[in-house]
Amino acid sequence: MTFVVTEPCIKCTYKHCIDPCPVDCFREGPDFLVIDPEMCIDCNVCATECPVKAIYQDKELPDDQLEFIEINRRLARIYPSATNVKVASAEKDEWANVRDKRHLLELPEST
């Protein structure tokens, strides 16, 4: 099992979840964080720290977020490690409660 970052994280990226991760499994793209499923040890610390409730255990994902299992897997292969936590986006508060942000996430054609 693994934890999965979902749609609420798009463009807000508070990054509270990164620092407490004991295995550094977060990857960071321009407007989204993902969890590398090969590294995640299913400890739950990231989900408890996420202020927008964007992180779920894969088996507990809401039905409308199931595609994020594959999105995390794909992007974890190309996004760099997020262990050096940068400042969250200045617009994070504006994006925190926005719904239906999936179309804003740029995905590469193939990974």
PDB file of N, CA and C in Angstrom:
ATOM      1  N   MET A   1       0.834  -1.190   0.000  1.00  0.00           N
ATOM      2  CA  MET A   1       0.000   0.000   0.000  1.00  0.00           C
ATOM      3  C   MET A   1       0.874   1.248   0.000  1.00  0.00           C
ATOM      4  N   THR A   2       0.255   2.345  -0.390  1.00  0.00           N
ATOM      5  CA  THR A   2       0.965   3.608  -0.459  1.00  0.00           C
ATOM      6  C   THR A   2      -0.020   4.751  -0.259  1.00  0.00           C
ATOM      7  N   PHE A   3       0.520   5.892   0.007  1.00  0.00           N
ATOM      8  CA  PHE A   3      -0.306   7.094   0.081  1.00  0.00           C
ATOM      9  C   PHE A   3      -0.204   7.823  -1.244  1.00  0.00           C
ATOM     10  N   VAL A   4      -1.239   8.598  -1.558  1.00  0.00           N
ATOM     11  CA  VAL A   4      -1.379   9.235  -2.857  1.00  0.00           C
ATOM     12  C   VAL A   4      -1.751  10.702  -2.658  1.00  0.00           C
ATOM     13  N   VAL A   5      -1.077  11.588  -3.376  1.00  0.00           N
ATOM     14  CA  VAL A   5      -1.417  13.006  -3.375  1.00  0.00           C
ATOM     15  C   VAL A   5      -2.487  13.215  -4.442  1.00  0.00           C
ATOM     16  N   THR A   6      -3.536  13.951  -4.091  1.00  0.00           N
ATOM     17  CA  THR A   6      -4.672  14.114  -4.994  1.00  0.00           C
ATOM     18  C   THR A   6      -4.897  15.570  -5.403  1.00  0.00           C
ATOM     19  N   GLU A   7      -5.961  15.779  -6.117  1.00  0.00           N
ATOM     20  CA  GLU A   7      -6.289  17.057  -6.745  1.00  0.00           C
ATOM     21  C   GLU A   7      -6.208  18.296  -5.851  1.00  0.00           C
ATOM     22  N   PRO A   8      -6.618  18.257  -4.590  1.00  0.00           N
ATOM     23  CA  PRO A   8      -6.531  19.480  -3.780  1.00  0.00           C
ATOM     24  C   PRO A   8      -5.125  20.069  -3.667  1.00  0.00           C
ATOM     25  N   CYS A   9      -4.097  19.279  -3.919  1.00  0.00           N
ATOM     26  CA  CYS A   9      -2.717  19.770  -3.833  1.00  0.00           C
ATOM     27  C   CYS A   9      -2.320  20.626  -5.036  1.00  0.00           C
ATOM     28  N   ILE A  10      -3.005  20.478  -6.141  1.00  0.00           N
ATOM     29  CA  ILE A  10      -2.631  21.206  -7.358  1.00  0.00           C
ATOM     30  C   ILE A  10      -2.655  22.707  -7.086  1.00  0.00           C
ATOM     31  N   LYS A  11      -1.533  23.329  -7.313  1.00  0.00           N
ATOM     32  CA  LYS A  11      -1.295  24.766  -7.191  1.00  0.00           C
ATOM     33  C   LYS A  11      -1.278  25.325  -5.764  1.00  0.00           C
ATOM     34  N   CYS A  12      -1.554  24.534  -4.740  1.00  0.00           N
ATOM     35  CA  CYS A  12      -1.444  25.114  -3.389  1.00  0.00           C
ATOM     36  C   CYS A  12      -0.147  24.691  -2.711  1.00  0.00           C
ATOM     37  N   THR A  13       0.238  23.461  -2.856  1.00  0.00           N
ATOM     38  CA  THR A  13       1.520  22.939  -2.379  1.00  0.00           C
ATOM     39  C   THR A  13       2.020  23.569  -1.073  1.00  0.00           C
ATOM     40  N   TYR A  14       1.266  23.410  -0.026  1.00  0.00           N
ATOM     41  CA  TYR A  14       1.690  23.915   1.284  1.00  0.00           C
ATOM     42  C   TYR A  14       3.000  23.310   1.761  1.00  0.00           C
ATOM     43  N   LYS A  15       3.216  22.049   1.474  1.00  0.00           N
ATOM     44  CA  LYS A  15       4.465  21.345   1.769  1.00  0.00           C
ATOM     45  C   LYS A  15       4.657  20.949   3.236  1.00  0.00           C
ATOM     46  N   HIS A  16       3.616  21.019   4.031  1.00  0.00           N
ATOM     47  CA  HIS A  16       3.702  20.561   5.422  1.00  0.00           C
ATOM     48  C   HIS A  16       4.001  19.063   5.506  1.00  0.00           C
ATOM     49  N   CYS A  17       3.658  18.344   4.471  1.00  0.00           N
ATOM     50  CA  CYS A  17       3.778  16.889   4.457  1.00  0.00           C
ATOM     51  C   CYS A  17       5.197  16.396   4.206  1.00  0.00           C
ATOM     52  N   ILE A  18       6.025  17.212   3.596  1.00  0.00           N
ATOM     53  CA  ILE A  18       7.343  16.761   3.145  1.00  0.00           C
ATOM     54  C   ILE A  18       8.312  16.504   4.300  1.00  0.00           C
ATOM     55  N   ASP A  19       8.470  17.465   5.158  1.00  0.00           N
ATOM     56  CA  ASP A  19       9.492  17.386   6.210  1.00  0.00           C
ATOM     57  C   ASP A  19       9.340  16.181   7.143  1.00  0.00           C
ATOM     58  N   PRO A  20       8.118  15.849   7.587  1.00  0.00           N
ATOM     59  CA  PRO A  20       8.032  14.714   8.518  1.00  0.00           C
ATOM     60  C   PRO A  20       8.159  13.332   7.871  1.00  0.00           C
ATOM     61  N   CYS A  21       8.206  13.263   6.545  1.00  0.00           N
ATOM     62  CA  CYS A  21       8.310  11.956   5.874  1.00  0.00           C
ATOM     63  C   CYS A  21       9.636  11.283   6.240  1.00  0.00           C
ATOM     64  N   PRO A  22       9.590  10.106   6.836  1.00  0.00           N
ATOM     65  CA  PRO A  22      10.829   9.449   7.267  1.00  0.00           C
ATOM     66  C   PRO A  22      11.649   8.829   6.140  1.00  0.00           C
ATOM     67  N   VAL A  23      11.065   8.706   4.939  1.00  0.00           N
ATOM     68  CA  VAL A  23      11.796   8.058   3.848  1.00  0.00           C
ATOM     69  C   VAL A  23      11.971   8.960   2.623  1.00  0.00           C
ATOM     70  N   ASP A  24      11.647  10.228   2.748  1.00  0.00           N
ATOM     71  CA  ASP A  24      11.835  11.196   1.655  1.00  0.00           C
ATOM     72  C   ASP A  24      11.219  10.717   0.337  1.00  0.00           C
ATOM     73  N   CYS A  25       9.959  10.326   0.391  1.00  0.00           N
ATOM     74  CA  CYS A  25       9.318   9.784  -0.812  1.00  0.00           C
ATOM     75  C   CYS A  25       8.577  10.833  -1.648  1.00  0.00           C
ATOM     76  N   PHE A  26       8.631  12.092  -1.252  1.00  0.00           N
ATOM     77  CA  PHE A  26       7.946  13.133  -2.022  1.00  0.00           C
ATOM     78  C   PHE A  26       8.791  13.603  -3.189  1.00  0.00           C
ATOM     79  N   ARG A  27       8.099  13.893  -4.292  1.00  0.00           N
ATOM     80  CA  ARG A  27       8.689  14.470  -5.490  1.00  0.00           C
ATOM     81  C   ARG A  27       7.921  15.754  -5.771  1.00  0.00           C
ATOM     82  N   GLU A  28       8.633  16.747  -6.333  1.00  0.00           N
ATOM     83  CA  GLU A  28       8.008  18.047  -6.516  1.00  0.00           C
ATOM     84  C   GLU A  28       8.080  18.510  -7.965  1.00  0.00           C
ATOM     85  N   GLY A  29       6.911  18.823  -8.512  1.00  0.00           N
ATOM     86  CA  GLY A  29       6.818  19.404  -9.845  1.00  0.00           C
ATOM     87  C   GLY A  29       6.512  20.885  -9.719  1.00  0.00           C
ATOM     88  N   PRO A  30       6.224  21.537 -10.829  1.00  0.00           N
ATOM     89  CA  PRO A  30       6.006  22.982 -10.789  1.00  0.00           C
ATOM     90  C   PRO A  30       4.803  23.410  -9.951  1.00  0.00           C
ATOM     91  N   ASP A  31       3.738  22.631  -9.956  1.00  0.00           N
ATOM     92  CA  ASP A  31       2.524  23.015  -9.234  1.00  0.00           C
ATOM     93  C   ASP A  31       1.879  21.867  -8.481  1.00  0.00           C
ATOM     94  N   PHE A  32       2.655  20.828  -8.180  1.00  0.00           N
ATOM     95  CA  PHE A  32       2.052  19.631  -7.602  1.00  0.00           C
ATOM     96  C   PHE A  32       3.128  18.788  -6.928  1.00  0.00           C
ATOM     97  N   LEU A  33       2.773  18.154  -5.834  1.00  0.00           N
ATOM     98  CA  LEU A  33       3.642  17.192  -5.157  1.00  0.00           C
ATOM     99  C   LEU A  33       3.096  15.799  -5.425  1.00  0.00           C
ATOM    100  N   VAL A  34       3.977  14.817  -5.481  1.00  0.00           N
ATOM    101  CA  VAL A  34       3.543  13.429  -5.602  1.00  0.00           C
ATOM    102  C   VAL A  34       4.339  12.582  -4.618  1.00  0.00           C
ATOM    103  N   ILE A  35       3.814  11.402  -4.369  1.00  0.00           N
ATOM    104  CA  ILE A  35       4.492  10.431  -3.515  1.00  0.00           C
ATOM    105  C   ILE A  35       4.977   9.292  -4.395  1.00  0.00           C
ATOM    106  N   ASP A  36       6.246   8.948  -4.261  1.00  0.00           N
ATOM    107  CA  ASP A  36       6.805   7.821  -4.997  1.00  0.00           C
ATOM    108  C   ASP A  36       6.288   6.538  -4.340  1.00  0.00           C
ATOM    109  N   PRO A  37       5.451   5.775  -5.046  1.00  0.00           N
ATOM    110  CA  PRO A  37       4.869   4.579  -4.430  1.00  0.00           C
ATOM    111  C   PRO A  37       5.885   3.490  -4.119  1.00  0.00           C
ATOM    112  N   GLU A  38       7.041   3.545  -4.767  1.00  0.00           N
ATOM    113  CA  GLU A  38       8.083   2.561  -4.500  1.00  0.00           C
ATOM    114  C   GLU A  38       8.802   2.846  -3.180  1.00  0.00           C
ATOM    115  N   MET A  39       8.721   4.075  -2.717  1.00  0.00           N
ATOM    116  CA  MET A  39       9.428   4.459  -1.494  1.00  0.00           C
ATOM    117  C   MET A  39       8.514   4.585  -0.276  1.00  0.00           C
ATOM    118  N   CYS A  40       7.251   4.863  -0.499  1.00  0.00           N
ATOM    119  CA  CYS A  40       6.318   5.099   0.609  1.00  0.00           C
ATOM    120  C   CYS A  40       6.221   3.865   1.508  1.00  0.00           C
ATOM    121  N   ILE A  41       6.304   4.092   2.822  1.00  0.00           N
ATOM    122  CA  ILE A  41       6.219   2.987   3.780  1.00  0.00           C
ATOM    123  C   ILE A  41       4.871   2.953   4.489  1.00  0.00           C
ATOM    124  N   ASP A  42       3.918   3.742   3.987  1.00  0.00           N
ATOM    125  CA  ASP A  42       2.547   3.690   4.486  1.00  0.00           C
ATOM    126  C   ASP A  42       2.451   4.087   5.965  1.00  0.00           C
ATOM    127  N   CYS A  43       3.190   5.124   6.348  1.00  0.00           N
ATOM    128  CA  CYS A  43       3.226   5.506   7.762  1.00  0.00           C
ATOM    129  C   CYS A  43       2.124   6.498   8.165  1.00  0.00           C
ATOM    130  N   ASN A  44       1.524   7.189   7.202  1.00  0.00           N
ATOM    131  CA  ASN A  44       0.410   8.109   7.434  1.00  0.00           C
ATOM    132  C   ASN A  44       0.805   9.484   7.944  1.00  0.00           C
ATOM    133  N   VAL A  45       2.057   9.740   8.236  1.00  0.00           N
ATOM    134  CA  VAL A  45       2.434  11.031   8.800  1.00  0.00           C
ATOM    135  C   VAL A  45       2.145  12.171   7.822  1.00  0.00           C
ATOM    136  N   CYS A  46       2.303  11.946   6.539  1.00  0.00           N
ATOM    137  CA  CYS A  46       2.052  13.001   5.550  1.00  0.00           C
ATOM    138  C   CYS A  46       0.578  13.389   5.509  1.00  0.00           C
ATOM    139  N   ALA A  47      -0.291  12.407   5.551  1.00  0.00           N
ATOM    140  CA  ALA A  47      -1.732  12.677   5.484  1.00  0.00           C
ATOM    141  C   ALA A  47      -2.198  13.491   6.681  1.00  0.00           C
ATOM    142  N   THR A  48      -1.634  13.225   7.836  1.00  0.00           N
ATOM    143  CA  THR A  48      -2.051  13.966   9.020  1.00  0.00           C
ATOM    144  C   THR A  48      -1.549  15.403   9.007  1.00  0.00           C
ATOM    145  N   GLU A  49      -0.483  15.677   8.264  1.00  0.00           N
ATOM    146  CA  GLU A  49       0.095  17.017   8.199  1.00  0.00           C
ATOM    147  C   GLU A  49      -0.478  17.884   7.075  1.00  0.00           C
ATOM    148  N   CYS A  50      -1.174  17.305   6.132  1.00  0.00           N
ATOM    149  CA  CYS A  50      -1.672  18.044   4.965  1.00  0.00           C
ATOM    150  C   CYS A  50      -2.863  18.930   5.349  1.00  0.00           C
ATOM    151  N   PRO A  51      -2.712  20.258   5.241  1.00  0.00           N
ATOM    152  CA  PRO A  51      -3.788  21.152   5.656  1.00  0.00           C
ATOM    153  C   PRO A  51      -4.993  21.176   4.715  1.00  0.00           C
ATOM    154  N   VAL A  52      -4.836  20.671   3.492  1.00  0.00           N
ATOM    155  CA  VAL A  52      -5.967  20.665   2.558  1.00  0.00           C
ATOM    156  C   VAL A  52      -6.539  19.259   2.349  1.00  0.00           C
ATOM    157  N   LYS A  53      -6.074  18.317   3.136  1.00  0.00           N
ATOM    158  CA  LYS A  53      -6.572  16.931   3.071  1.00  0.00           C
ATOM    159  C   LYS A  53      -6.463  16.357   1.666  1.00  0.00           C
ATOM    160  N   ALA A  54      -5.285  16.507   1.068  1.00  0.00           N
ATOM    161  CA  ALA A  54      -5.049  16.050  -0.301  1.00  0.00           C
ATOM    162  C   ALA A  54      -4.397  14.675  -0.361  1.00  0.00           C
ATOM    163  N   ILE A  55      -4.051  14.080   0.778  1.00  0.00           N
ATOM    164  CA  ILE A  55      -3.307  12.820   0.776  1.00  0.00           C
ATOM    165  C   ILE A  55      -4.161  11.717   1.398  1.00  0.00           C
ATOM    166  N   TYR A  56      -4.277  10.617   0.650  1.00  0.00           N
ATOM    167  CA  TYR A  56      -5.076   9.466   1.075  1.00  0.00           C
ATOM    168  C   TYR A  56      -4.275   8.191   0.895  1.00  0.00           C
ATOM    169  N   GLN A  57      -4.614   7.194   1.686  1.00  0.00           N
ATOM    170  CA  GLN A  57      -4.087   5.868   1.431  1.00  0.00           C
ATOM    171  C   GLN A  57      -4.749   5.373   0.148  1.00  0.00           C
ATOM    172  N   ASP A  58      -4.012   4.666  -0.682  1.00  0.00           N
ATOM    173  CA  ASP A  58      -4.549   4.268  -1.987  1.00  0.00           C
ATOM    174  C   ASP A  58      -5.869   3.514  -1.899  1.00  0.00           C
ATOM    175  N   LYS A  59      -6.039   2.702  -0.892  1.00  0.00           N
ATOM    176  CA  LYS A  59      -7.283   1.930  -0.785  1.00  0.00           C
ATOM    177  C   LYS A  59      -8.450   2.756  -0.241  1.00  0.00           C
ATOM    178  N   GLU A  60      -8.186   3.987   0.182  1.00  0.00           N
ATOM    179  CA  GLU A  60      -9.243   4.846   0.726  1.00  0.00           C
ATOM    180  C   GLU A  60      -9.501   6.090  -0.129  1.00  0.00           C
ATOM    181  N   LEU A  61      -8.997   6.097  -1.350  1.00  0.00           N
ATOM    182  CA  LEU A  61      -9.193   7.235  -2.233  1.00  0.00           C
ATOM    183  C   LEU A  61     -10.663   7.407  -2.592  1.00  0.00           C
ATOM    184  N   PRO A  62     -11.137   8.646  -2.626  1.00  0.00           N
ATOM    185  CA  PRO A  62     -12.488   8.875  -3.149  1.00  0.00           C
ATOM    186  C   PRO A  62     -12.526   8.444  -4.621  1.00  0.00           C
ATOM    187  N   ASP A  63     -13.664   7.976  -5.082  1.00  0.00           N
ATOM    188  CA  ASP A  63     -13.778   7.477  -6.454  1.00  0.00           C
ATOM    189  C   ASP A  63     -13.334   8.495  -7.491  1.00  0.00           C
ATOM    190  N   ASP A  64     -13.600   9.773  -7.252  1.00  0.00           N
ATOM    191  CA  ASP A  64     -13.244  10.782  -8.247  1.00  0.00           C
ATOM    192  C   ASP A  64     -11.756  11.140  -8.227  1.00  0.00           C
ATOM    193  N   GLN A  65     -10.976  10.478  -7.378  1.00  0.00           N
ATOM    194  CA  GLN A  65      -9.540  10.731  -7.287  1.00  0.00           C
ATOM    195  C   GLN A  65      -8.690   9.507  -7.639  1.00  0.00           C
ATOM    196  N   LEU A  66      -9.314   8.444  -8.077  1.00  0.00           N
ATOM    197  CA  LEU A  66      -8.593   7.199  -8.363  1.00  0.00           C
ATOM    198  C   LEU A  66      -7.500   7.367  -9.408  1.00  0.00           C
ATOM    199  N   GLU A  67      -7.682   8.248 -10.371  1.00  0.00           N
ATOM    200  CA  GLU A  67      -6.666   8.442 -11.403  1.00  0.00           C
ATOM    201  C   GLU A  67      -5.341   8.955 -10.826  1.00  0.00           C
ATOM    202  N   PHE A  68      -5.375   9.494  -9.611  1.00  0.00           N
ATOM    203  CA  PHE A  68      -4.155  10.032  -9.019  1.00  0.00           C
ATOM    204  C   PHE A  68      -3.185   8.947  -8.545  1.00  0.00           C
ATOM    205  N   ILE A  69      -3.631   7.713  -8.456  1.00  0.00           N
ATOM    206  CA  ILE A  69      -2.697   6.618  -8.185  1.00  0.00           C
ATOM    207  C   ILE A  69      -1.689   6.552  -9.329  1.00  0.00           C
ATOM    208  N   GLU A  70      -2.196   6.533 -10.545  1.00  0.00           N
ATOM    209  CA  GLU A  70      -1.331   6.472 -11.724  1.00  0.00           C
ATOM    210  C   GLU A  70      -0.572   7.780 -11.925  1.00  0.00           C
ATOM    211  N   ILE A  71      -1.208   8.906 -11.671  1.00  0.00           N
ATOM    212  CA  ILE A  71      -0.537  10.202 -11.818  1.00  0.00           C
ATOM    213  C   ILE A  71       0.664  10.291 -10.882  1.00  0.00           C
ATOM    214  N   ASN A  72       0.508   9.879  -9.622  1.00  0.00           N
ATOM    215  CA  ASN A  72       1.638   9.888  -8.680  1.00  0.00           C
ATOM    216  C   ASN A  72       2.746   8.967  -9.171  1.00  0.00           C
ATOM    217  N   ARG A  73       2.369   7.775  -9.628  1.00  0.00           N
ATOM    218  CA  ARG A  73       3.366   6.818 -10.112  1.00  0.00           C
ATOM    219  C   ARG A  73       4.147   7.393 -11.293  1.00  0.00           C
ATOM    220  N   ARG A  74       3.432   7.964 -12.256  1.00  0.00           N
ATOM    221  CA  ARG A  74       4.085   8.507 -13.455  1.00  0.00           C
ATOM    222  C   ARG A  74       4.979   9.695 -13.125  1.00  0.00           C
ATOM    223  N   LEU A  75       4.456  10.630 -12.353  1.00  0.00           N
ATOM    224  CA  LEU A  75       5.219  11.846 -12.079  1.00  0.00           C
ATOM    225  C   LEU A  75       6.374  11.609 -11.118  1.00  0.00           C
ATOM    226  N   ALA A  76       6.260  10.611 -10.264  1.00  0.00           N
ATOM    227  CA  ALA A  76       7.362  10.291  -9.350  1.00  0.00           C
ATOM    228  C   ALA A  76       8.613   9.873 -10.117  1.00  0.00           C
ATOM    229  N   ARG A  77       8.431   9.392 -11.322  1.00  0.00           N
ATOM    230  CA  ARG A  77       9.564   8.982 -12.155  1.00  0.00           C
ATOM    231  C   ARG A  77      10.309  10.173 -12.755  1.00  0.00           C
ATOM    232  N   ILE A  78       9.637  11.324 -12.859  1.00  0.00           N
ATOM    233  CA  ILE A  78      10.284  12.460 -13.524  1.00  0.00           C
ATOM    234  C   ILE A  78      10.467  13.686 -12.636  1.00  0.00           C
ATOM    235  N   TYR A  79       9.657  13.838 -11.607  1.00  0.00           N
ATOM    236  CA  TYR A  79       9.825  14.980 -10.705  1.00  0.00           C
ATOM    237  C   TYR A  79      11.039  14.745  -9.806  1.00  0.00           C
ATOM    238  N   PRO A  80      11.776  15.797  -9.474  1.00  0.00           N
ATOM    239  CA  PRO A  80      12.918  15.645  -8.559  1.00  0.00           C
ATOM    240  C   PRO A  80      12.468  15.490  -7.109  1.00  0.00           C
ATOM    241  N   SER A  81      13.357  14.997  -6.305  1.00  0.00           N
ATOM    242  CA  SER A  81      13.089  14.839  -4.877  1.00  0.00           C
ATOM    243  C   SER A  81      12.706  16.168  -4.251  1.00  0.00           C
ATOM    244  N   ALA A  82      11.784  16.121  -3.318  1.00  0.00           N
ATOM    245  CA  ALA A  82      11.327  17.331  -2.637  1.00  0.00           C
ATOM    246  C   ALA A  82      11.928  17.444  -1.243  1.00  0.00           C
ATOM    247  N   THR A  83      13.047  16.804  -1.010  1.00  0.00           N
ATOM    248  CA  THR A  83      13.630  16.813   0.333  1.00  0.00           C
ATOM    249  C   THR A  83      14.154  18.180   0.747  1.00  0.00           C
ATOM    250  N   ASN A  84      14.529  18.987  -0.202  1.00  0.00           N
ATOM    251  CA  ASN A  84      14.942  20.351   0.113  1.00  0.00           C
ATOM    252  C   ASN A  84      13.713  21.241  -0.022  1.00  0.00           C
ATOM    253  N   VAL A  85      12.954  21.336   1.045  1.00  0.00           N
ATOM    254  CA  VAL A  85      11.675  22.031   1.010  1.00  0.00           C
ATOM    255  C   VAL A  85      11.873  23.495   0.652  1.00  0.00           C
ATOM    256  N   LYS A  86      11.221  23.883  -0.422  1.00  0.00           N
ATOM    257  CA  LYS A  86      11.234  25.273  -0.850  1.00  0.00           C
ATOM    258  C   LYS A  86      10.010  25.959  -0.262  1.00  0.00           C
ATOM    259  N   VAL A  87       9.978  27.246  -0.373  1.00  0.00           N
ATOM    260  CA  VAL A  87       8.820  27.997   0.102  1.00  0.00           C
ATOM    261  C   VAL A  87       7.622  27.611  -0.747  1.00  0.00           C
ATOM    262  N   ALA A  88       6.480  27.416  -0.106  1.00  0.00           N
ATOM    263  CA  ALA A  88       5.256  27.100  -0.841  1.00  0.00           C
ATOM    264  C   ALA A  88       4.875  28.275  -1.720  1.00  0.00           C
ATOM    265  N   SER A  89       4.071  27.999  -2.721  1.00  0.00           N
ATOM    266  CA  SER A  89       3.677  29.049  -3.652  1.00  0.00           C
ATOM    267  C   SER A  89       2.972  30.193  -2.926  1.00  0.00           C
ATOM    268  N   ALA A  90       3.168  31.396  -3.408  1.00  0.00           N
ATOM    269  CA  ALA A  90       2.542  32.568  -2.800  1.00  0.00           C
ATOM    270  C   ALA A  90       1.022  32.495  -2.903  1.00  0.00           C
ATOM    271  N   GLU A  91       0.536  31.768  -3.896  1.00  0.00           N
ATOM    272  CA  GLU A  91      -0.897  31.658  -4.129  1.00  0.00           C
ATOM    273  C   GLU A  91      -1.536  30.472  -3.411  1.00  0.00           C
ATOM    274  N   LYS A  92      -0.794  29.808  -2.550  1.00  0.00           N
ATOM    275  CA  LYS A  92      -1.295  28.578  -1.932  1.00  0.00           C
ATOM    276  C   LYS A  92      -2.628  28.756  -1.236  1.00  0.00           C
ATOM    277  N   ASP A  93      -2.809  29.869  -0.538  1.00  0.00           N
ATOM    278  CA  ASP A  93      -4.071  30.083   0.171  1.00  0.00           C
ATOM    279  C   ASP A  93      -5.236  30.276  -0.796  1.00  0.00           C
ATOM    280  N   GLU A  94      -4.958  30.918  -1.922  1.00  0.00           N
ATOM    281  CA  GLU A  94      -6.006  31.129  -2.921  1.00  0.00           C
ATOM    282  C   GLU A  94      -6.454  29.808  -3.530  1.00  0.00           C
ATOM    283  N   TRP A  95      -5.536  28.879  -3.697  1.00  0.00           N
ATOM    284  CA  TRP A  95      -5.832  27.612  -4.351  1.00  0.00           C
ATOM    285  C   TRP A  95      -6.295  26.525  -3.390  1.00  0.00           C
ATOM    286  N   ALA A  96      -6.134  26.720  -2.119  1.00  0.00           N
ATOM    287  CA  ALA A  96      -6.403  25.660  -1.142  1.00  0.00           C
ATOM    288  C   ALA A  96      -7.812  25.085  -1.220  1.00  0.00           C
ATOM    289  N   ASN A  97      -8.799  25.902  -1.439  1.00  0.00           N
ATOM    290  CA  ASN A  97     -10.185  25.423  -1.440  1.00  0.00           C
ATOM    291  C   ASN A  97     -10.829  25.389  -2.815  1.00  0.00           C
ATOM    292  N   VAL A  98     -10.033  25.608  -3.852  1.00  0.00           N
ATOM    293  CA  VAL A  98     -10.571  25.543  -5.215  1.00  0.00           C
ATOM    294  C   VAL A  98     -10.811  24.083  -5.578  1.00  0.00           C
ATOM    295  N   ARG A  99     -11.948  23.808  -6.153  1.00  0.00           N
ATOM    296  CA  ARG A  99     -12.288  22.449  -6.591  1.00  0.00           C
ATOM    297  C   ARG A  99     -12.039  22.330  -8.094  1.00  0.00           C
ATOM    298  N   ASP A 100     -12.020  21.122  -8.575  1.00  0.00           N
ATOM    299  CA  ASP A 100     -11.902  20.840 -10.008  1.00  0.00           C
ATOM    300  C   ASP A 100     -10.673  21.493 -10.636  1.00  0.00           C
ATOM    301  N   LYS A 101      -9.510  21.154 -10.110  1.00  0.00           N
ATOM    302  CA  LYS A 101      -8.243  21.710 -10.606  1.00  0.00           C
ATOM    303  C   LYS A 101      -7.492  20.740 -11.506  1.00  0.00           C
ATOM    304  N   ARG A 102      -8.012  19.563 -11.723  1.00  0.00           N
ATOM    305  CA  ARG A 102      -7.310  18.516 -12.468  1.00  0.00           C
ATOM    306  C   ARG A 102      -6.811  19.015 -13.829  1.00  0.00           C
ATOM    307  N   HIS A 103      -7.606  19.827 -14.512  1.00  0.00           N
ATOM    308  CA  HIS A 103      -7.237  20.316 -15.845  1.00  0.00           C
ATOM    309  C   HIS A 103      -6.005  21.230 -15.816  1.00  0.00           C
ATOM    310  N   LEU A 104      -5.631  21.715 -14.643  1.00  0.00           N
ATOM    311  CA  LEU A 104      -4.464  22.590 -14.513  1.00  0.00           C
ATOM    312  C   LEU A 104      -3.151  21.819 -14.381  1.00  0.00           C
ATOM    313  N   LEU A 105      -3.238  20.540 -14.139  1.00  0.00           N
ATOM    314  CA  LEU A 105      -2.053  19.709 -13.963  1.00  0.00           C
ATOM    315  C   LEU A 105      -1.524  19.268 -15.321  1.00  0.00           C
ATOM    316  N   GLU A 106      -0.317  19.692 -15.625  1.00  0.00           N
ATOM    317  CA  GLU A 106       0.295  19.313 -16.891  1.00  0.00           C
ATOM    318  C   GLU A 106       0.967  17.961 -16.742  1.00  0.00           C
ATOM    319  N   LEU A 107       0.557  17.034 -17.573  1.00  0.00           N
ATOM    320  CA  LEU A 107       1.129  15.703 -17.560  1.00  0.00           C
ATOM    321  C   LEU A 107       1.921  15.465 -18.841  1.00  0.00           C
ATOM    322  N   PRO A 108       3.089  14.892 -18.727  1.00  0.00           N
ATOM    323  CA  PRO A 108       3.855  14.560 -19.929  1.00  0.00           C
ATOM    324  C   PRO A 108       3.125  13.483 -20.728  1.00  0.00           C
ATOM    325  N   GLU A 109       3.374  13.419 -22.003  1.00  0.00           N
ATOM    326  CA  GLU A 109       2.710  12.442 -22.878  1.00  0.00           C
ATOM    327  C   GLU A 109       2.944  11.013 -22.426  1.00  0.00           C
ATOM    328  N   SER A 110       4.185  10.680 -22.093  1.00  0.00           N
ATOM    329  CA  SER A 110       4.453   9.306 -21.658  1.00  0.00           C
ATOM    330  C   SER A 110       5.612   9.306 -20.671  1.00  0.00           C
ATOM    331  N   THR A 111       5.479   8.463 -19.684  1.00  0.00           N
ATOM    332  CA  THR A 111       6.543   8.269 -18.703  1.00  0.00           C
ATOM    333  C   THR A 111       6.537   6.819 -18.279  1.00  0.00           C
TER     334      THR A 111
END
